[in-house]
PDB file of N, CA and C in Angstrom:
ATOM      1  N   MET A   1      -1.221   3.631 -23.485  1.00  0.00           N
ATOM      2  CA  MET A   1      -0.653   2.678 -22.548  1.00  0.00           C
ATOM      3  C   MET A   1      -0.542   3.339 -21.178  1.00  0.00           C
ATOM      4  N   THR A   2      -0.928   2.625 -20.143  1.00  0.00           N
ATOM      5  CA  THR A   2      -0.814   3.161 -18.787  1.00  0.00           C
ATOM      6  C   THR A   2       0.411   2.578 -18.113  1.00  0.00           C
ATOM      7  N   GLU A   3       0.977   3.342 -17.193  1.00  0.00           N
ATOM      8  CA  GLU A   3       2.133   2.864 -16.453  1.00  0.00           C
ATOM      9  C   GLU A   3       1.693   2.379 -15.080  1.00  0.00           C
ATOM     10  N   ARG A   4       2.488   1.525 -14.490  1.00  0.00           N
ATOM     11  CA  ARG A   4       2.205   1.022 -13.151  1.00  0.00           C
ATOM     12  C   ARG A   4       2.380   2.144 -12.139  1.00  0.00           C
ATOM     13  N   ALA A   5       1.617   2.082 -11.088  1.00  0.00           N
ATOM     14  CA  ALA A   5       1.725   3.084 -10.031  1.00  0.00           C
ATOM     15  C   ALA A   5       3.011   2.863  -9.237  1.00  0.00           C
ATOM     16  N   ALA A   6       3.649   3.940  -8.881  1.00  0.00           N
ATOM     17  CA  ALA A   6       4.859   3.886  -8.080  1.00  0.00           C
ATOM     18  C   ALA A   6       4.551   4.440  -6.694  1.00  0.00           C
ATOM     19  N   PRO A   7       5.227   3.937  -5.660  1.00  0.00           N
ATOM     20  CA  PRO A   7       4.996   4.473  -4.325  1.00  0.00           C
ATOM     21  C   PRO A   7       5.511   5.913  -4.239  1.00  0.00           C
ATOM     22  N   PHE A   8       4.830   6.735  -3.459  1.00  0.00           N
ATOM     23  CA  PHE A   8       5.239   8.123  -3.284  1.00  0.00           C
ATOM     24  C   PHE A   8       6.193   8.297  -2.112  1.00  0.00           C
ATOM     25  N   TYR A   9       6.149   7.358  -1.158  1.00  0.00           N
ATOM     26  CA  TYR A   9       7.005   7.467   0.018  1.00  0.00           C
ATOM     27  C   TYR A   9       7.290   6.078   0.574  1.00  0.00           C
ATOM     28  N   CYS A  10       8.339   5.990   1.362  1.00  0.00           N
ATOM     29  CA  CYS A  10       8.746   4.735   1.997  1.00  0.00           C
ATOM     30  C   CYS A  10       7.753   4.367   3.091  1.00  0.00           C
ATOM     31  N   PRO A  11       7.262   3.121   3.142  1.00  0.00           N
ATOM     32  CA  PRO A  11       6.329   2.727   4.196  1.00  0.00           C
ATOM     33  C   PRO A  11       6.983   2.625   5.576  1.00  0.00           C
ATOM     34  N   TYR A  12       8.309   2.674   5.646  1.00  0.00           N
ATOM     35  CA  TYR A  12       9.016   2.557   6.915  1.00  0.00           C
ATOM     36  C   TYR A  12       9.391   3.901   7.511  1.00  0.00           C
ATOM     37  N   CYS A  13       9.983   4.790   6.689  1.00  0.00           N
ATOM     38  CA  CYS A  13      10.453   6.070   7.232  1.00  0.00           C
ATOM     39  C   CYS A  13       9.707   7.270   6.672  1.00  0.00           C
ATOM     40  N   GLY A  14       8.945   7.102   5.591  1.00  0.00           N
ATOM     41  CA  GLY A  14       8.176   8.194   5.023  1.00  0.00           C
ATOM     42  C   GLY A  14       8.942   9.063   4.043  1.00  0.00           C
ATOM     43  N   ASP A  15      10.201   8.779   3.816  1.00  0.00           N
ATOM     44  CA  ASP A  15      10.992   9.585   2.892  1.00  0.00           C
ATOM     45  C   ASP A  15      10.577   9.310   1.445  1.00  0.00           C
ATOM     46  N   GLU A  16      10.865  10.256   0.566  1.00  0.00           N
ATOM     47  CA  GLU A  16      10.455  10.139  -0.833  1.00  0.00           C
ATOM     48  C   GLU A  16      11.594   9.764  -1.779  1.00  0.00           C
ATOM     49  N   ASP A  17      12.776   9.470  -1.245  1.00  0.00           N
ATOM     50  CA  ASP A  17      13.929   9.136  -2.082  1.00  0.00           C
ATOM     51  C   ASP A  17      13.918   7.638  -2.399  1.00  0.00           C
ATOM     52  N   LEU A  18      13.031   7.233  -3.306  1.00  0.00           N
ATOM     53  CA  LEU A  18      12.868   5.825  -3.664  1.00  0.00           C
ATOM     54  C   LEU A  18      13.411   5.565  -5.062  1.00  0.00           C
ATOM     55  N   ARG A  19      13.961   4.387  -5.240  1.00  0.00           N
ATOM     56  CA  ARG A  19      14.465   3.965  -6.542  1.00  0.00           C
ATOM     57  C   ARG A  19      13.992   2.544  -6.806  1.00  0.00           C
ATOM     58  N   PRO A  20      13.699   2.203  -8.064  1.00  0.00           N
ATOM     59  CA  PRO A  20      13.357   0.816  -8.383  1.00  0.00           C
ATOM     60  C   PRO A  20      14.527  -0.107  -8.038  1.00  0.00           C
ATOM     61  N   SER A  21      14.230  -1.259  -7.508  1.00  0.00           N
ATOM     62  CA  SER A  21      15.261  -2.221  -7.131  1.00  0.00           C
ATOM     63  C   SER A  21      15.533  -3.173  -8.285  1.00  0.00           C
ATOM     64  N   GLU A  22      16.712  -3.725  -8.302  1.00  0.00           N
ATOM     65  CA  GLU A  22      17.066  -4.722  -9.312  1.00  0.00           C
ATOM     66  C   GLU A  22      16.524  -6.102  -8.954  1.00  0.00           C
ATOM     67  N   GLN A  23      15.864  -6.234  -7.804  1.00  0.00           N
ATOM     68  CA  GLN A  23      15.338  -7.519  -7.344  1.00  0.00           C
ATOM     69  C   GLN A  23      14.176  -8.016  -8.169  1.00  0.00           C
ATOM     70  N   GLY A  24      13.538  -7.131  -8.919  1.00  0.00           N
ATOM     71  CA  GLY A  24      12.428  -7.583  -9.747  1.00  0.00           C
ATOM     72  C   GLY A  24      11.279  -6.606  -9.748  1.00  0.00           C
ATOM     73  N   HIS A  25      10.205  -7.009 -10.398  1.00  0.00           N
ATOM     74  CA  HIS A  25       9.036  -6.160 -10.552  1.00  0.00           C
ATOM     75  C   HIS A  25       8.391  -5.838  -9.211  1.00  0.00           C
ATOM     76  N   GLY A  26       8.121  -4.576  -8.969  1.00  0.00           N
ATOM     77  CA  GLY A  26       7.459  -4.161  -7.744  1.00  0.00           C
ATOM     78  C   GLY A  26       8.385  -3.958  -6.568  1.00  0.00           C
ATOM     79  N   ALA A  27       9.681  -4.136  -6.742  1.00  0.00           N
ATOM     80  CA  ALA A  27      10.636  -3.972  -5.654  1.00  0.00           C
ATOM     81  C   ALA A  27      11.228  -2.567  -5.689  1.00  0.00           C
ATOM     82  N   TRP A  28      11.331  -1.949  -4.509  1.00  0.00           N
ATOM     83  CA  TRP A  28      11.822  -0.583  -4.388  1.00  0.00           C
ATOM     84  C   TRP A  28      12.854  -0.496  -3.282  1.00  0.00           C
ATOM     85  N   GLU A  29      13.768   0.475  -3.401  1.00  0.00           N
ATOM     86  CA  GLU A  29      14.777   0.731  -2.384  1.00  0.00           C
ATOM     87  C   GLU A  29      14.619   2.151  -1.881  1.00  0.00           C
ATOM     88  N   CYS A  30      14.693   2.323  -0.566  1.00  0.00           N
ATOM     89  CA  CYS A  30      14.656   3.646   0.036  1.00  0.00           C
ATOM     90  C   CYS A  30      16.086   4.047   0.363  1.00  0.00           C
ATOM     91  N   ARG A  31      16.533   5.147  -0.214  1.00  0.00           N
ATOM     92  CA  ARG A  31      17.906   5.592   0.023  1.00  0.00           C
ATOM     93  C   ARG A  31      18.064   6.258   1.383  1.00  0.00           C
ATOM     94  N   ALA A  32      16.964   6.715   1.976  1.00  0.00           N
ATOM     95  CA  ALA A  32      17.047   7.405   3.267  1.00  0.00           C
ATOM     96  C   ALA A  32      17.268   6.422   4.426  1.00  0.00           C
ATOM     97  N   CYS A  33      16.508   5.325   4.454  1.00  0.00           N
ATOM     98  CA  CYS A  33      16.634   4.376   5.578  1.00  0.00           C
ATOM     99  C   CYS A  33      17.317   3.071   5.173  1.00  0.00           C
ATOM    100  N   ASN A  34      17.720   2.965   3.911  1.00  0.00           N
ATOM    101  CA  ASN A  34      18.462   1.808   3.413  1.00  0.00           C
ATOM    102  C   ASN A  34      17.669   0.508   3.507  1.00  0.00           C
ATOM    103  N   ARG A  35      16.342   0.604   3.306  1.00  0.00           N
ATOM    104  CA  ARG A  35      15.488  -0.582   3.320  1.00  0.00           C
ATOM    105  C   ARG A  35      14.985  -0.867   1.913  1.00  0.00           C
ATOM    106  N   ALA A  36      14.677  -2.125   1.671  1.00  0.00           N
ATOM    107  CA  ALA A  36      14.072  -2.540   0.406  1.00  0.00           C
ATOM    108  C   ALA A  36      12.713  -3.140   0.723  1.00  0.00           C
ATOM    109  N   PHE A  37      11.746  -2.896  -0.150  1.00  0.00           N
ATOM    110  CA  PHE A  37      10.407  -3.447   0.042  1.00  0.00           C
ATOM    111  C   PHE A  37       9.813  -3.754  -1.314  1.00  0.00           C
ATOM    112  N   GLN A  38       8.746  -4.532  -1.298  1.00  0.00           N
ATOM    113  CA  GLN A  38       8.104  -4.938  -2.543  1.00  0.00           C
ATOM    114  C   GLN A  38       6.610  -4.665  -2.462  1.00  0.00           C
ATOM    115  N   LEU A  39       6.059  -4.129  -3.541  1.00  0.00           N
ATOM    116  CA  LEU A  39       4.630  -3.891  -3.643  1.00  0.00           C
ATOM    117  C   LEU A  39       4.011  -5.013  -4.454  1.00  0.00           C
ATOM    118  N   LYS A  40       2.845  -5.457  -4.008  1.00  0.00           N
ATOM    119  CA  LYS A  40       2.191  -6.555  -4.705  1.00  0.00           C
ATOM    120  C   LYS A  40       0.682  -6.358  -4.655  1.00  0.00           C
ATOM    121  N   PHE A  41       0.032  -6.442  -5.791  1.00  0.00           N
ATOM    122  CA  PHE A  41      -1.411  -6.361  -5.863  1.00  0.00           C
ATOM    123  C   PHE A  41      -1.974  -7.734  -5.532  1.00  0.00           C
ATOM    124  N   LEU A  42      -2.840  -7.811  -4.525  1.00  0.00           N
ATOM    125  CA  LEU A  42      -3.382  -9.094  -4.089  1.00  0.00           C
ATOM    126  C   LEU A  42      -4.668  -9.466  -4.802  1.00  0.00           C
ATOM    127  N   GLY A  43      -5.441  -8.490  -5.241  1.00  0.00           N
ATOM    128  CA  GLY A  43      -6.688  -8.776  -5.924  1.00  0.00           C
ATOM    129  C   GLY A  43      -7.794  -7.866  -5.431  1.00  0.00           C
ATOM    130  N   LEU A  44      -8.958  -8.044  -5.971  1.00  0.00           N
ATOM    131  CA  LEU A  44     -10.108  -7.245  -5.586  1.00  0.00           C
ATOM    132  C   LEU A  44     -10.830  -7.910  -4.419  1.00  0.00           C
ATOM    133  N   LEU A  45     -11.453  -7.102  -3.591  1.00  0.00           N
ATOM    134  CA  LEU A  45     -12.234  -7.626  -2.481  1.00  0.00           C
ATOM    135  C   LEU A  45     -13.514  -8.251  -3.016  1.00  0.00           C
ATOM    136  N   ALA A  46     -13.937  -9.347  -2.438  1.00  0.00           N
ATOM    137  CA  ALA A  46     -15.108 -10.061  -2.927  1.00  0.00           C
ATOM    138  C   ALA A  46     -16.365  -9.204  -2.858  1.00  0.00           C
ATOM    139  N   GLU A  47     -16.516  -8.437  -1.782  1.00  0.00           N
ATOM    140  CA  GLU A  47     -17.716  -7.633  -1.611  1.00  0.00           C
ATOM    141  C   GLU A  47     -17.519  -6.189  -2.038  1.00  0.00           C
ATOM    142  N   GLY A  48     -16.322  -5.825  -2.434  1.00  0.00           N
ATOM    143  CA  GLY A  48     -16.065  -4.451  -2.840  1.00  0.00           C
ATOM    144  C   GLY A  48     -16.077  -3.510  -1.653  1.00  0.00           C
ATOM    145  N   PHE A  49     -16.120  -2.240  -1.959  1.00  0.00           N
ATOM    146  CA  PHE A  49     -16.135  -1.229  -0.903  1.00  0.00           C
ATOM    147  C   PHE A  49     -17.548  -1.039  -0.389  1.00  0.00           C
ATOM    148  N   LYS A  50     -17.669  -0.889   0.915  1.00  0.00           N
ATOM    149  CA  LYS A  50     -18.976  -0.679   1.536  1.00  0.00           C
ATOM    150  C   LYS A  50     -19.006   0.711   2.156  1.00  0.00           C
ATOM    151  N   ALA A  51     -20.155   1.352   2.081  1.00  0.00           N
ATOM    152  CA  ALA A  51     -20.346   2.632   2.755  1.00  0.00           C
ATOM    153  C   ALA A  51     -20.499   2.374   4.246  1.00  0.00           C
ATOM    154  N   PRO A  52     -20.015   3.300   5.103  1.00  0.00           N
ATOM    155  CA  PRO A  52     -20.180   3.105   6.540  1.00  0.00           C
ATOM    156  C   PRO A  52     -21.658   3.069   6.923  1.00  0.00           C
ATOM    157  N   SER A  53     -21.972   2.233   7.885  1.00  0.00           N
ATOM    158  CA  SER A  53     -23.351   2.096   8.352  1.00  0.00           C
ATOM    159  C   SER A  53     -23.778   3.371   9.071  1.00  0.00           C
ATOM    160  N   PRO A  54     -24.971   3.874   8.810  1.00  0.00           N
ATOM    161  CA  PRO A  54     -25.425   5.096   9.484  1.00  0.00           C
ATOM    162  C   PRO A  54     -25.705   4.868  10.968  1.00  0.00           C
ATOM    163  N   HIS A  55     -25.798   3.611  11.403  1.00  0.00           N
ATOM    164  CA  HIS A  55     -26.102   3.287  12.807  1.00  0.00           C
ATOM    165  C   HIS A  55     -24.876   2.834  13.573  1.00  0.00           C
ATOM    166  N   GLY A  56     -23.673   3.053  13.004  1.00  0.00           N
ATOM    167  CA  GLY A  56     -22.456   2.673  13.710  1.00  0.00           C
ATOM    168  C   GLY A  56     -22.053   1.255  13.376  1.00  0.00           C
ATOM    169  N   SER A  57     -21.296   0.644  14.271  1.00  0.00           N
ATOM    170  CA  SER A  57     -20.756  -0.697  14.068  1.00  0.00           C
ATOM    171  C   SER A  57     -21.863  -1.741  14.087  1.00  0.00           C
ATOM    172  N   SER A  58     -21.729  -2.755  13.258  1.00  0.00           N
ATOM    173  CA  SER A  58     -22.717  -3.823  13.211  1.00  0.00           C
ATOM    174  C   SER A  58     -22.254  -5.060  13.966  1.00  0.00           C
ATOM    175  N   ASP A  59     -21.128  -4.965  14.711  1.00  0.00           N
ATOM    176  CA  ASP A  59     -20.620  -6.146  15.404  1.00  0.00           C
ATOM    177  C   ASP A  59     -21.260  -6.341  16.777  1.00  0.00           C
ATOM    178  N   GLY A  60     -22.077  -5.393  17.223  1.00  0.00           N
ATOM    179  CA  GLY A  60     -22.780  -5.554  18.486  1.00  0.00           C
ATOM    180  C   GLY A  60     -21.950  -5.209  19.704  1.00  0.00           C
ATOM    181  N   GLY A  61     -20.667  -4.883  19.531  1.00  0.00           N
ATOM    182  CA  GLY A  61     -19.809  -4.564  20.665  1.00  0.00           C
ATOM    183  C   GLY A  61     -19.882  -3.100  21.032  1.00  0.00           C
ATOM    184  N   ALA A  62     -19.518  -2.779  22.250  1.00  0.00           N
ATOM    185  CA  ALA A  62     -19.490  -1.379  22.679  1.00  0.00           C
ATOM    186  C   ALA A  62     -18.203  -0.738  22.226  1.00  0.00           C
ATOM    187  N   SER A  63     -18.268   0.559  21.900  1.00  0.00           N
ATOM    188  CA  SER A  63     -17.048   1.233  21.479  1.00  0.00           C
ATOM    189  C   SER A  63     -16.649   2.327  22.415  1.00  0.00           C
TER     190      SER A  63
END
């Protein structure tokens, strides 16, 4: 059996003092900045991951 992935750090302050929240599945509390957040898997990308183009950007704009 595999376990769900847990966040390693707070997305707001970067601290690692996280605890599961009682709000429900995927909810976490950061004890350092006193914020609560929720992680949610949205799904797979339709085209998957693409390798970077060897010729740079394909949008035609200057960078």
